[in-house]
PDB file of N, CA and C in Angstrom:
ATOM      1  N   MET A   1      76.869 115.213 116.483  1.00  0.00           N
ATOM      2  CA  MET A   1      78.393 115.488 115.202  1.00  0.00           C
ATOM      3  C   MET A   1      79.244 114.320 115.382  1.00  0.00           C
ATOM      4  N   LYS A   2      78.732 113.675 116.842  1.00  0.00           N
ATOM      5  CA  LYS A   2      80.144 112.688 117.142  1.00  0.00           C
ATOM      6  C   LYS A   2      79.802 111.314 116.475  1.00  0.00           C
ATOM      7  N   LYS A   3      78.474 111.250 116.570  1.00  0.00           N
ATOM      8  CA  LYS A   3      77.765 109.941 115.539  1.00  0.00           C
ATOM      9  C   LYS A   3      78.501 109.640 114.323  1.00  0.00           C
ATOM     10  N   LEU A   4      77.547 110.722 113.491  1.00  0.00           N
ATOM     11  CA  LEU A   4      78.327 111.253 111.892  1.00  0.00           C
ATOM     12  C   LEU A   4      79.632 110.450 111.705  1.00  0.00           C
ATOM     13  N   THR A   5      80.726 111.288 112.758  1.00  0.00           N
ATOM     14  CA  THR A   5      82.533 111.044 112.772  1.00  0.00           C
ATOM     15  C   THR A   5      82.774 110.112 113.056  1.00  0.00           C
ATOM     16  N   GLY A   6      81.849 109.328 113.893  1.00  0.00           N
ATOM     17  CA  GLY A   6      82.540 108.167 114.097  1.00  0.00           C
ATOM     18  C   GLY A   6      81.938 106.936 113.041  1.00  0.00           C
ATOM     19  N   ALA A   7      80.530 107.381 112.351  1.00  0.00           N
ATOM     20  CA  ALA A   7      80.327 106.386 111.168  1.00  0.00           C
ATOM     21  C   ALA A   7      81.146 105.962 110.208  1.00  0.00           C
ATOM     22  N   VAL A   8      81.700 108.002 109.720  1.00  0.00           N
ATOM     23  CA  VAL A   8      82.313 107.865 108.320  1.00  0.00           C
ATOM     24  C   VAL A   8      83.879 107.448 109.073  1.00  0.00           C
ATOM     25  N   SER A   9      84.511 107.127 109.858  1.00  0.00           N
ATOM     26  CA  SER A   9      85.443 106.478 110.656  1.00  0.00           C
ATOM     27  C   SER A   9      85.569 105.143 110.545  1.00  0.00           C
ATOM     28  N   ALA A  10      84.393 104.313 110.897  1.00  0.00           N
ATOM     29  CA  ALA A  10      83.980 102.904 111.123  1.00  0.00           C
ATOM     30  C   ALA A  10      84.000 102.747 109.261  1.00  0.00           C
ATOM     31  N   ALA A  11      83.463 103.163 108.248  1.00  0.00           N
ATOM     32  CA  ALA A  11      83.314 102.815 107.222  1.00  0.00           C
ATOM     33  C   ALA A  11      85.074 103.281 106.344  1.00  0.00           C
ATOM     34  N   ALA A  12      85.489 104.294 107.059  1.00  0.00           N
ATOM     35  CA  ALA A  12      86.553 104.114 106.294  1.00  0.00           C
ATOM     36  C   ALA A  12      87.580 102.888 107.039  1.00  0.00           C
ATOM     37  N   LEU A  13      87.614 102.781 107.865  1.00  0.00           N
ATOM     38  CA  LEU A  13      88.599 101.216 108.178  1.00  0.00           C
ATOM     39  C   LEU A  13      88.082 100.110 107.499  1.00  0.00           C
ATOM     40  N   ALA A  14      86.409 100.049 107.266  1.00  0.00           N
ATOM     41  CA  ALA A  14      86.017  99.023 106.853  1.00  0.00           C
ATOM     42  C   ALA A  14      86.826  98.715 105.183  1.00  0.00           C
ATOM     43  N   LEU A  15      86.566 100.355 104.560  1.00  0.00           N
ATOM     44  CA  LEU A  15      87.357  99.955 102.973  1.00  0.00           C
ATOM     45  C   LEU A  15      88.694  99.958 103.133  1.00  0.00           C
ATOM     46  N   VAL A  16      89.503 100.106 104.231  1.00  0.00           N
ATOM     47  CA  VAL A  16      90.682  99.860 103.749  1.00  0.00           C
ATOM     48  C   VAL A  16      90.889  98.231 104.652  1.00  0.00           C
ATOM     49  N   ALA A  17      90.126  97.592 105.440  1.00  0.00           N
ATOM     50  CA  ALA A  17      90.446  96.491 105.549  1.00  0.00           C
ATOM     51  C   ALA A  17      89.901  95.354 104.344  1.00  0.00           C
ATOM     52  N   ALA A  18      89.128  96.014 103.555  1.00  0.00           N
ATOM     53  CA  ALA A  18      88.251  95.045 102.480  1.00  0.00           C
ATOM     54  C   ALA A  18      89.582  95.361 101.157  1.00  0.00           C
ATOM     55  N   ALA A  19      90.509  95.840 101.152  1.00  0.00           N
ATOM     56  CA  ALA A  19      91.219  96.375 100.288  1.00  0.00           C
ATOM     57  C   ALA A  19      92.320  95.699 100.688  1.00  0.00           C
ATOM     58  N   ALA A  20      92.415  95.694 102.346  1.00  0.00           N
ATOM     59  CA  ALA A  20      94.085  94.712 102.298  1.00  0.00           C
ATOM     60  C   ALA A  20      93.723  93.306 102.430  1.00  0.00           C
ATOM     61  N   PHE A  21      92.428  92.861 102.088  1.00  0.00           N
ATOM     62  CA  PHE A  21      92.116  91.504 101.903  1.00  0.00           C
ATOM     63  C   PHE A  21      92.023  90.904 100.359  1.00  0.00           C
ATOM     64  N   ALA A  22      91.971  91.902  99.373  1.00  0.00           N
ATOM     65  CA  ALA A  22      92.080  92.013  98.301  1.00  0.00           C
ATOM     66  C   ALA A  22      93.578  91.345  97.814  1.00  0.00           C
ATOM     67  N   ALA A  23      93.431  90.203  97.177  1.00  0.00           N
ATOM     68  CA  ALA A  23      95.069  89.919  96.758  1.00  0.00           C
ATOM     69  C   ALA A  23      95.231  90.312  95.824  1.00  0.00           C
ATOM     70  N   GLN A  24      97.033  90.634  96.000  1.00  0.00           N
ATOM     71  CA  GLN A  24      97.722  91.643  94.693  1.00  0.00           C
ATOM     72  C   GLN A  24      97.882  90.241  94.056  1.00  0.00           C
ATOM     73  N   PRO A  25      98.084  90.473  92.937  1.00  0.00           N
ATOM     74  CA  PRO A  25      98.137  89.524  91.598  1.00  0.00           C
ATOM     75  C   PRO A  25      99.259  89.243  92.098  1.00  0.00           C
ATOM     76  N   VAL A  26      99.956  87.925  91.792  1.00  0.00           N
ATOM     77  CA  VAL A  26     101.188  87.475  91.643  1.00  0.00           C
ATOM     78  C   VAL A  26     101.837  86.989  90.355  1.00  0.00           C
ATOM     79  N   ARG A  27     102.952  87.379  90.132  1.00  0.00           N
ATOM     80  CA  ARG A  27     103.899  86.868  88.767  1.00  0.00           C
ATOM     81  C   ARG A  27     104.488  85.727  88.916  1.00  0.00           C
ATOM     82  N   ASP A  28     104.125  84.855  88.746  1.00  0.00           N
ATOM     83  CA  ASP A  28     104.443  83.292  88.992  1.00  0.00           C
ATOM     84  C   ASP A  28     105.019  82.683  87.475  1.00  0.00           C
ATOM     85  N   VAL A  29     104.542  82.953  86.640  1.00  0.00           N
ATOM     86  CA  VAL A  29     104.339  82.144  85.163  1.00  0.00           C
ATOM     87  C   VAL A  29     106.128  82.908  84.585  1.00  0.00           C
ATOM     88  N   SER A  30     106.742  81.666  84.400  1.00  0.00           N
ATOM     89  CA  SER A  30     108.074  81.780  83.488  1.00  0.00           C
ATOM     90  C   SER A  30     107.773  82.485  82.321  1.00  0.00           C
ATOM     91  N   GLY A  31     108.552  83.784  82.282  1.00  0.00           N
ATOM     92  CA  GLY A  31     108.579  84.639  81.298  1.00  0.00           C
ATOM     93  C   GLY A  31     109.417  83.804  79.950  1.00  0.00           C
ATOM     94  N   HIS A  32     110.435  83.074  80.516  1.00  0.00           N
ATOM     95  CA  HIS A  32     111.330  81.892  78.794  1.00  0.00           C
ATOM     96  C   HIS A  32     110.195  81.397  78.882  1.00  0.00           C
ATOM     97  N   ARG A  33     109.428  80.503  79.420  1.00  0.00           N
ATOM     98  CA  ARG A  33     108.882  79.542  78.935  1.00  0.00           C
ATOM     99  C   ARG A  33     106.914  80.092  78.259  1.00  0.00           C
ATOM    100  N   HIS A  34     106.679  81.042  78.624  1.00  0.00           N
ATOM    101  CA  HIS A  34     105.217  81.709  78.625  1.00  0.00           C
ATOM    102  C   HIS A  34     105.426  82.874  77.901  1.00  0.00           C
ATOM    103  N   PRO A  35     105.998  83.862  77.193  1.00  0.00           N
ATOM    104  CA  PRO A  35     106.035  85.068  77.443  1.00  0.00           C
ATOM    105  C   PRO A  35     105.125  85.617  77.236  1.00  0.00           C
ATOM    106  N   ASN A  36     104.026  85.329  76.792  1.00  0.00           N
ATOM    107  CA  ASN A  36     102.807  86.339  76.647  1.00  0.00           C
ATOM    108  C   ASN A  36     102.081  86.189  77.703  1.00  0.00           C
ATOM    109  N   ILE A  37     102.026  84.676  78.055  1.00  0.00           N
ATOM    110  CA  ILE A  37     101.158  84.605  79.999  1.00  0.00           C
ATOM    111  C   ILE A  37     101.887  85.704  80.895  1.00  0.00           C
ATOM    112  N   ALA A  38     103.057  85.088  80.731  1.00  0.00           N
ATOM    113  CA  ALA A  38     103.860  86.356  81.699  1.00  0.00           C
ATOM    114  C   ALA A  38     103.534  87.833  81.383  1.00  0.00           C
ATOM    115  N   ALA A  39     103.459  87.931  80.386  1.00  0.00           N
ATOM    116  CA  ALA A  39     103.250  89.568  80.258  1.00  0.00           C
ATOM    117  C   ALA A  39     101.747  89.999  80.667  1.00  0.00           C
ATOM    118  N   ALA A  40     100.967  89.078  80.429  1.00  0.00           N
ATOM    119  CA  ALA A  40      99.564  89.061  80.566  1.00  0.00           C
ATOM    120  C   ALA A  40      99.180  89.290  82.143  1.00  0.00           C
ATOM    121  N   GLN A  41      99.984  88.581  82.910  1.00  0.00           N
ATOM    122  CA  GLN A  41     100.265  88.400  84.330  1.00  0.00           C
ATOM    123  C   GLN A  41     100.958  90.078  84.781  1.00  0.00           C
ATOM    124  N   ARG A  42     101.669  90.677  84.343  1.00  0.00           N
ATOM    125  CA  ARG A  42     102.212  91.703  84.387  1.00  0.00           C
ATOM    126  C   ARG A  42     101.364  93.025  83.832  1.00  0.00           C
ATOM    127  N   LEU A  43     100.541  92.546  83.174  1.00  0.00           N
ATOM    128  CA  LEU A  43      99.449  94.194  83.080  1.00  0.00           C
ATOM    129  C   LEU A  43      98.649  93.813  84.120  1.00  0.00           C
ATOM    130  N   THR A  44      97.798  92.654  84.430  1.00  0.00           N
ATOM    131  CA  THR A  44      96.963  92.589  85.499  1.00  0.00           C
ATOM    132  C   THR A  44      97.842  92.975  86.956  1.00  0.00           C
ATOM    133  N   ASP A  45      99.028  93.135  87.239  1.00  0.00           N
ATOM    134  CA  ASP A  45     100.044  93.444  88.093  1.00  0.00           C
ATOM    135  C   ASP A  45      99.935  95.079  88.120  1.00  0.00           C
ATOM    136  N   GLN A  46     100.082  95.280  86.964  1.00  0.00           N
ATOM    137  CA  GLN A  46      99.726  97.289  86.526  1.00  0.00           C
ATOM    138  C   GLN A  46      98.539  97.359  86.826  1.00  0.00           C
ATOM    139  N   ALA A  47      97.624  96.837  86.435  1.00  0.00           N
ATOM    140  CA  ALA A  47      96.303  97.453  86.319  1.00  0.00           C
ATOM    141  C   ALA A  47      95.890  97.236  88.153  1.00  0.00           C
ATOM    142  N   TYR A  48      96.195  96.347  88.830  1.00  0.00           N
ATOM    143  CA  TYR A  48      95.834  96.376  89.968  1.00  0.00           C
ATOM    144  C   TYR A  48      96.297  97.438  91.200  1.00  0.00           C
ATOM    145  N   HIS A  49      97.772  97.929  90.524  1.00  0.00           N
ATOM    146  CA  HIS A  49      98.693  99.287  91.451  1.00  0.00           C
ATOM    147  C   HIS A  49      97.464 100.219  90.710  1.00  0.00           C
ATOM    148  N   ARG A  50      96.784 100.457  89.424  1.00  0.00           N
ATOM    149  CA  ARG A  50      96.167 101.698  89.281  1.00  0.00           C
ATOM    150  C   ARG A  50      95.492 101.864  90.130  1.00  0.00           C
ATOM    151  N   ILE A  51      94.433 100.427  90.063  1.00  0.00           N
ATOM    152  CA  ILE A  51      93.554 100.663  90.916  1.00  0.00           C
ATOM    153  C   ILE A  51      93.206 101.542  92.443  1.00  0.00           C
ATOM    154  N   VAL A  52      94.380 100.850  92.775  1.00  0.00           N
ATOM    155  CA  VAL A  52      95.063 100.971  94.294  1.00  0.00           C
ATOM    156  C   VAL A  52      95.140 102.844  94.305  1.00  0.00           C
ATOM    157  N   ALA A  53      95.767 103.079  93.328  1.00  0.00           N
ATOM    158  CA  ALA A  53      96.040 104.998  92.961  1.00  0.00           C
ATOM    159  C   ALA A  53      94.525 105.600  92.836  1.00  0.00           C
ATOM    160  N   ALA A  54      93.744 105.240  92.290  1.00  0.00           N
ATOM    161  CA  ALA A  54      92.803 105.335  92.195  1.00  0.00           C
ATOM    162  C   ALA A  54      91.704 105.762  92.902  1.00  0.00           C
ATOM    163  N   GLN A  55      91.811 104.591  93.900  1.00  0.00           N
ATOM    164  CA  GLN A  55      91.168 104.321  95.319  1.00  0.00           C
ATOM    165  C   GLN A  55      91.782 105.515  96.345  1.00  0.00           C
ATOM    166  N   GLN A  56      93.275 105.499  96.516  1.00  0.00           N
ATOM    167  CA  GLN A  56      93.499 106.585  97.349  1.00  0.00           C
ATOM    168  C   GLN A  56      93.207 107.890  96.981  1.00  0.00           C
ATOM    169  N   ALA A  57      93.396 108.047  95.395  1.00  0.00           N
ATOM    170  CA  ALA A  57      92.693 109.713  95.062  1.00  0.00           C
ATOM    171  C   ALA A  57      91.697 110.069  95.492  1.00  0.00           C
ATOM    172  N   ASN A  58      90.477 108.827  95.500  1.00  0.00           N
ATOM    173  CA  ASN A  58      89.296 108.759  95.893  1.00  0.00           C
ATOM    174  C   ASN A  58      89.143 108.852  96.951  1.00  0.00           C
ATOM    175  N   GLU A  59      90.162 108.647  98.272  1.00  0.00           N
ATOM    176  CA  GLU A  59      89.505 108.184  99.199  1.00  0.00           C
ATOM    177  C   GLU A  59      88.845 106.792  99.455  1.00  0.00           C
ATOM    178  N   TRP A  60      88.731 106.102  98.364  1.00  0.00           N
ATOM    179  CA  TRP A  60      88.447 104.706  98.615  1.00  0.00           C
ATOM    180  C   TRP A  60      87.138 104.924  98.686  1.00  0.00           C
ATOM    181  N   ASP A  61      86.375 105.863  98.212  1.00  0.00           N
ATOM    182  CA  ASP A  61      84.529 105.921  97.967  1.00  0.00           C
ATOM    183  C   ASP A  61      84.173 105.415  96.431  1.00  0.00           C
ATOM    184  N   MET A  62      84.221 104.354  96.299  1.00  0.00           N
ATOM    185  CA  MET A  62      83.864 103.993  94.912  1.00  0.00           C
ATOM    186  C   MET A  62      83.054 102.729  94.747  1.00  0.00           C
ATOM    187  N   ASP A  63      81.780 102.773  95.780  1.00  0.00           N
ATOM    188  CA  ASP A  63      80.850 101.996  96.083  1.00  0.00           C
ATOM    189  C   ASP A  63      80.928 100.453  95.667  1.00  0.00           C
ATOM    190  N   GLY A  64      82.718 100.299  96.146  1.00  0.00           N
ATOM    191  CA  GLY A  64      82.783  98.965  96.398  1.00  0.00           C
ATOM    192  C   GLY A  64      83.451  98.374  94.610  1.00  0.00           C
ATOM    193  N   HIS A  65      83.361  98.918  94.208  1.00  0.00           N
ATOM    194  CA  HIS A  65      83.285  98.534  92.554  1.00  0.00           C
ATOM    195  C   HIS A  65      85.123  98.475  92.254  1.00  0.00           C
ATOM    196  N   ALA A  66      86.255  99.350  92.843  1.00  0.00           N
ATOM    197  CA  ALA A  66      87.296  99.313  92.684  1.00  0.00           C
ATOM    198  C   ALA A  66      87.494  97.889  93.434  1.00  0.00           C
ATOM    199  N   ALA A  67      87.200  97.541  94.623  1.00  0.00           N
ATOM    200  CA  ALA A  67      87.568  96.425  95.316  1.00  0.00           C
ATOM    201  C   ALA A  67      87.407  95.427  94.419  1.00  0.00           C
ATOM    202  N   LYS A  68      85.920  94.828  93.665  1.00  0.00           N
ATOM    203  CA  LYS A  68      85.540  93.964  92.677  1.00  0.00           C
ATOM    204  C   LYS A  68      86.347  94.194  91.612  1.00  0.00           C
ATOM    205  N   ALA A  69      86.737  95.029  91.149  1.00  0.00           N
ATOM    206  CA  ALA A  69      87.850  94.850  90.148  1.00  0.00           C
ATOM    207  C   ALA A  69      89.433  94.478  90.571  1.00  0.00           C
ATOM    208  N   LYS A  70      89.597  94.477  91.714  1.00  0.00           N
ATOM    209  CA  LYS A  70      90.774  93.862  91.979  1.00  0.00           C
ATOM    210  C   LYS A  70      90.895  92.638  91.861  1.00  0.00           C
ATOM    211  N   ASP A  71      89.354  92.125  92.859  1.00  0.00           N
ATOM    212  CA  ASP A  71      89.280  90.835  93.206  1.00  0.00           C
ATOM    213  C   ASP A  71      89.697  89.827  91.462  1.00  0.00           C
ATOM    214  N   LEU A  72      88.600  90.361  90.697  1.00  0.00           N
ATOM    215  CA  LEU A  72      88.712  90.019  89.177  1.00  0.00           C
ATOM    216  C   LEU A  72      89.913  89.595  88.799  1.00  0.00           C
ATOM    217  N   LEU A  73      90.802  91.007  89.017  1.00  0.00           N
ATOM    218  CA  LEU A  73      92.059  90.876  88.166  1.00  0.00           C
ATOM    219  C   LEU A  73      93.025  89.496  88.875  1.00  0.00           C
ATOM    220  N   ASP A  74      92.645  89.602  90.602  1.00  0.00           N
ATOM    221  CA  ASP A  74      93.167  88.149  91.102  1.00  0.00           C
ATOM    222  C   ASP A  74      92.654  86.952  90.173  1.00  0.00           C
ATOM    223  N   GLN A  75      91.504  86.749  89.982  1.00  0.00           N
ATOM    224  CA  GLN A  75      91.020  86.021  89.340  1.00  0.00           C
ATOM    225  C   GLN A  75      91.752  85.460  88.074  1.00  0.00           C
ATOM    226  N   ALA A  76      91.767  86.661  87.808  1.00  0.00           N
ATOM    227  CA  ALA A  76      92.400  86.294  86.185  1.00  0.00           C
ATOM    228  C   ALA A  76      93.458  85.939  86.193  1.00  0.00           C
ATOM    229  N   ASN A  77      94.731  86.616  87.201  1.00  0.00           N
ATOM    230  CA  ASN A  77      95.769  86.018  87.146  1.00  0.00           C
ATOM    231  C   ASN A  77      95.701  84.533  87.484  1.00  0.00           C
ATOM    232  N   ARG A  78      94.837  84.079  88.466  1.00  0.00           N
ATOM    233  CA  ARG A  78      95.239  82.928  88.738  1.00  0.00           C
ATOM    234  C   ARG A  78      94.494  81.627  87.086  1.00  0.00           C
ATOM    235  N   GLU A  79      93.780  81.883  86.669  1.00  0.00           N
ATOM    236  CA  GLU A  79      93.242  81.618  85.378  1.00  0.00           C
ATOM    237  C   GLU A  79      94.972  81.578  84.360  1.00  0.00           C
ATOM    238  N   LEU A  80      95.565  82.332  84.399  1.00  0.00           N
ATOM    239  CA  LEU A  80      96.592  82.781  83.429  1.00  0.00           C
ATOM    240  C   LEU A  80      97.374  81.477  84.416  1.00  0.00           C
ATOM    241  N   LYS A  81      97.936  81.560  85.377  1.00  0.00           N
ATOM    242  CA  LYS A  81      98.926  80.457  85.777  1.00  0.00           C
ATOM    243  C   LYS A  81      98.336  79.319  85.494  1.00  0.00           C
ATOM    244  N   ALA A  82      96.741  78.962  85.526  1.00  0.00           N
ATOM    245  CA  ALA A  82      96.299  77.415  85.592  1.00  0.00           C
ATOM    246  C   ALA A  82      96.822  77.274  83.550  1.00  0.00           C
ATOM    247  N   ALA A  83      96.796  78.264  82.996  1.00  0.00           N
ATOM    248  CA  ALA A  83      96.687  78.508  81.693  1.00  0.00           C
ATOM    249  C   ALA A  83      98.366  77.817  81.152  1.00  0.00           C
ATOM    250  N   ALA A  84      99.065  78.506  82.023  1.00  0.00           N
ATOM    251  CA  ALA A  84     101.092  78.483  81.534  1.00  0.00           C
ATOM    252  C   ALA A  84     100.623  76.586  82.123  1.00  0.00           C
ATOM    253  N   GLU A  85     100.227  76.021  83.249  1.00  0.00           N
ATOM    254  CA  GLU A  85     100.310  75.010  83.701  1.00  0.00           C
ATOM    255  C   GLU A  85      99.865  73.628  82.593  1.00  0.00           C
ATOM    256  N   ALA A  86      98.631  74.219  82.320  1.00  0.00           N
ATOM    257  CA  ALA A  86      98.002  73.538  81.031  1.00  0.00           C
ATOM    258  C   ALA A  86      98.785  73.308  79.918  1.00  0.00           C
ATOM    259  N   ALA A  87      99.849  74.278  79.659  1.00  0.00           N
ATOM    260  CA  ALA A  87     100.744  74.620  78.608  1.00  0.00           C
ATOM    261  C   ALA A  87     101.749  73.575  78.982  1.00  0.00           C
ATOM    262  N   ASN A  88     102.200  73.449  79.875  1.00  0.00           N
ATOM    263  CA  ASN A  88     103.279  72.893  80.277  1.00  0.00           C
ATOM    264  C   ASN A  88     103.085  71.010  80.275  1.00  0.00           C
ATOM    265  N   HIS A  89     101.519  71.122  80.720  1.00  0.00           N
ATOM    266  CA  HIS A  89     101.144  69.438  80.701  1.00  0.00           C
ATOM    267  C   HIS A  89     101.051  68.898  79.616  1.00  0.00           C
ATOM    268  N   ASP A  90     100.754  69.695  78.693  1.00  0.00           N
ATOM    269  CA  ASP A  90     100.541  69.623  76.819  1.00  0.00           C
ATOM    270  C   ASP A  90     101.590  69.148  76.487  1.00  0.00           C
ATOM    271  N   ARG A  91     103.186  69.868  76.799  1.00  0.00           N
ATOM    272  CA  ARG A  91     103.981  69.825  76.272  1.00  0.00           C
ATOM    273  C   ARG A  91     105.042  68.260  76.714  1.00  0.00           C
ATOM    274  N   LYS A  92     104.341  67.749  77.334  1.00  0.00           N
ATOM    275  CA  LYS A  92     105.148  66.736  78.083  1.00  0.00           C
ATOM    276  C   LYS A  92     104.499  65.318  77.328  1.00  0.00           C
TER     277      LYS A  92
END
């Protein structure tokens, strides 16, 4: 029984650590210059927070899919920033 409890505790700690390393999307696009891209960044941030809430409600046990979704939202957010920077470059 102690082995099972220890294994469950270790798995829970690993999941919490993995969630902590998944970067929350940063909203860093000017809403004045790029209102649509800034809105998309807000939506990635909202989705990220909903996933965190889902993980907490399900005690983090989602076979890694929630963590993967958070990673993909972070990637999408970086692409949105790159799109805004490209648009800035094109305007010069």
